[in-house]
Amino acid sequence: MRKTLLVILALVLASAVEASDRPAPRTEQELIAHLKAMPDEAFRPAFVTAFRARDCVVDARVGDPSAFIAELAQEIAKLVGYEADLSPAAVRKIDDLSNNMGKIMVDAGDIQIDDGIITLTDCP
């Protein structure tokens, strides 16, 4: 377990260093290309930030879940310095790119889904 965590941290750190060497994306095309080059684990901080902005709970039974997806996509874009509003097409692409990280977090128990309630488990 500890070895796995070290490998994950090394990947995230390497990705962060690489991202800091690149200029911030100026267009959505550049943003998507930049995000495609990143490992899944690099998206974890954006997931945590997006969940914490909603008190760590997303109720998928109420309201429009695409609002949370758009917020998450914006947080992911901020990871690489992209601050402009995202188009619906970019939100969909970022959702596709980050979907695996969501699955990883569910499998690890970091996110729990119970009857349409999605919860970040380690929430202060």
Protein backbone atom coordinates (compact mmCIF):
# COMPACT_ATOMS: atom_id res chain seq x y z
CA MET A 1 0.00 0.00 0.00
CA ARG A 2 2.74 2.46 0.97
CA LYS A 3 4.66 1.66 -2.21
CA THR A 4 1.55 2.33 -4.29
CA LEU A 5 1.03 5.69 -2.59
CA LEU A 6 4.62 6.67 -3.25
CA VAL A 7 4.25 5.80 -6.93
CA ILE A 8 1.04 7.83 -7.16
CA LEU A 9 2.64 10.80 -5.42
CA ALA A 10 5.64 10.59 -7.73
CA LEU A 11 3.36 10.64 -10.78
CA VAL A 12 1.39 13.61 -9.47
CA LEU A 13 4.57 15.49 -8.62
CA ALA A 14 6.09 14.77 -12.04
CA SER A 15 2.91 15.96 -13.70
CA ALA A 16 2.86 19.14 -11.60
CA VAL A 17 6.48 19.90 -12.48
CA GLU A 18 5.79 19.32 -16.15
CA ALA A 19 2.64 21.47 -15.99
CA SER A 20 4.55 24.29 -14.29
CA ASP A 21 7.11 24.25 -17.11
CA ARG A 22 4.40 24.74 -19.71
CA PRO A 23 2.72 28.06 -20.27
CA ALA A 24 -0.93 28.18 -19.26
CA PRO A 25 -3.23 27.08 -22.08
CA ARG A 26 -4.72 30.00 -23.99
CA THR A 27 -7.46 28.13 -25.85
CA GLU A 28 -9.75 25.24 -25.02
CA GLN A 29 -7.89 23.16 -27.61
CA GLU A 30 -4.59 23.76 -25.83
CA LEU A 31 -6.30 23.02 -22.51
CA ILE A 32 -7.63 19.65 -23.68
CA ALA A 33 -4.25 18.70 -25.16
CA HIS A 34 -2.56 19.65 -21.90
CA LEU A 35 -5.02 17.63 -19.81
CA LYS A 36 -4.72 14.58 -22.06
CA ALA A 37 -1.00 14.43 -21.24
CA MET A 38 -1.64 14.34 -17.49
CA PRO A 39 -2.00 11.17 -15.39
CA ASP A 40 -5.39 10.48 -13.83
CA GLU A 41 -4.09 11.17 -10.29
CA ALA A 42 -3.26 14.75 -11.25
CA PHE A 43 -7.01 15.48 -11.28
CA ARG A 44 -7.52 14.44 -7.64
CA PRO A 45 -7.03 17.95 -6.16
CA ALA A 46 -9.75 19.33 -8.44
CA PHE A 47 -12.17 16.60 -7.33
CA VAL A 48 -11.48 17.42 -3.68
CA THR A 49 -11.89 21.17 -4.26
CA ALA A 50 -15.14 20.74 -6.21
CA PHE A 51 -16.62 18.45 -3.56
CA ARG A 52 -15.53 20.70 -0.69
CA ALA A 53 -17.17 23.67 -2.40
CA ARG A 54 -20.43 21.73 -1.95
CA ASP A 55 -19.74 20.67 1.64
CA CYS A 56 -18.46 17.34 0.29
CA VAL A 57 -21.87 16.09 -0.83
CA VAL A 58 -23.51 16.04 -4.25
CA ASP A 59 -27.13 14.96 -4.33
CA ALA A 60 -27.58 13.58 -7.84
CA ARG A 61 -31.28 13.02 -7.16
CA VAL A 62 -32.00 16.74 -6.88
CA GLY A 63 -31.22 19.41 -9.41
CA ASP A 64 -29.01 19.11 -12.42
CA PRO A 65 -25.87 16.97 -11.93
CA SER A 66 -24.31 18.68 -14.95
CA ALA A 67 -23.81 21.78 -12.78
CA PHE A 68 -21.40 19.86 -10.55
CA ILE A 69 -19.67 18.39 -13.61
CA ALA A 70 -19.18 21.92 -14.97
CA GLU A 71 -17.76 23.07 -11.61
CA LEU A 72 -15.40 20.09 -11.53
CA ALA A 73 -14.27 20.76 -15.11
CA GLN A 74 -13.53 24.38 -14.21
CA GLU A 75 -11.46 23.25 -11.21
CA ILE A 76 -9.54 20.83 -13.44
CA ALA A 77 -8.87 23.64 -15.92
CA LYS A 78 -7.55 25.83 -13.08
CA LEU A 79 -4.98 23.13 -12.25
CA VAL A 80 -3.10 24.10 -15.40
CA GLY A 81 -3.77 27.83 -15.22
CA TYR A 82 -6.79 28.06 -17.53
CA GLU A 83 -9.15 30.61 -15.98
CA ALA A 84 -11.63 31.34 -18.79
CA ASP A 85 -15.17 29.99 -18.71
CA LEU A 86 -15.52 26.62 -20.42
CA SER A 87 -17.84 25.85 -23.30
CA PRO A 88 -20.26 22.92 -22.92
CA ALA A 89 -18.11 20.94 -25.39
CA ALA A 90 -14.98 21.49 -23.28
CA VAL A 91 -16.86 20.48 -20.13
CA ARG A 92 -17.87 17.21 -21.82
CA LYS A 93 -14.30 16.52 -22.95
CA ILE A 94 -12.87 17.24 -19.50
CA ASP A 95 -15.56 15.06 -17.94
CA ASP A 96 -14.49 12.22 -20.23
CA LEU A 97 -10.81 12.77 -19.40
CA SER A 98 -11.38 12.87 -15.65
CA ASN A 99 -13.94 10.07 -15.42
CA ASN A 100 -11.30 7.48 -14.63
CA MET A 101 -10.10 9.50 -11.62
CA GLY A 102 -13.64 9.48 -10.28
CA LYS A 103 -13.73 5.70 -10.64
CA ILE A 104 -10.35 5.40 -8.92
CA MET A 105 -11.59 7.50 -6.00
CA VAL A 106 -14.77 5.40 -5.70
CA ASP A 107 -12.77 2.15 -5.80
CA ALA A 108 -10.39 3.51 -3.14
CA GLY A 109 -13.29 4.56 -0.89
CA ASP A 110 -12.47 8.27 -1.23
CA ILE A 111 -15.89 8.85 -2.78
CA GLN A 112 -19.00 6.94 -1.75
CA ILE A 113 -22.19 6.69 -3.73
CA ASP A 114 -25.34 5.74 -1.88
CA ASP A 115 -28.80 6.05 -3.43
CA GLY A 116 -27.83 9.05 -5.56
CA ILE A 117 -25.89 10.80 -2.80
CA ILE A 118 -22.23 11.20 -3.73
CA THR A 119 -19.95 11.99 -0.79
CA LEU A 120 -16.26 12.81 -0.45
CA THR A 121 -15.37 10.64 2.53
CA ASP A 122 -12.38 12.58 3.92
CA CYS A 123 -14.03 15.90 4.50
CA PRO A 124 -13.22 18.28 7.35
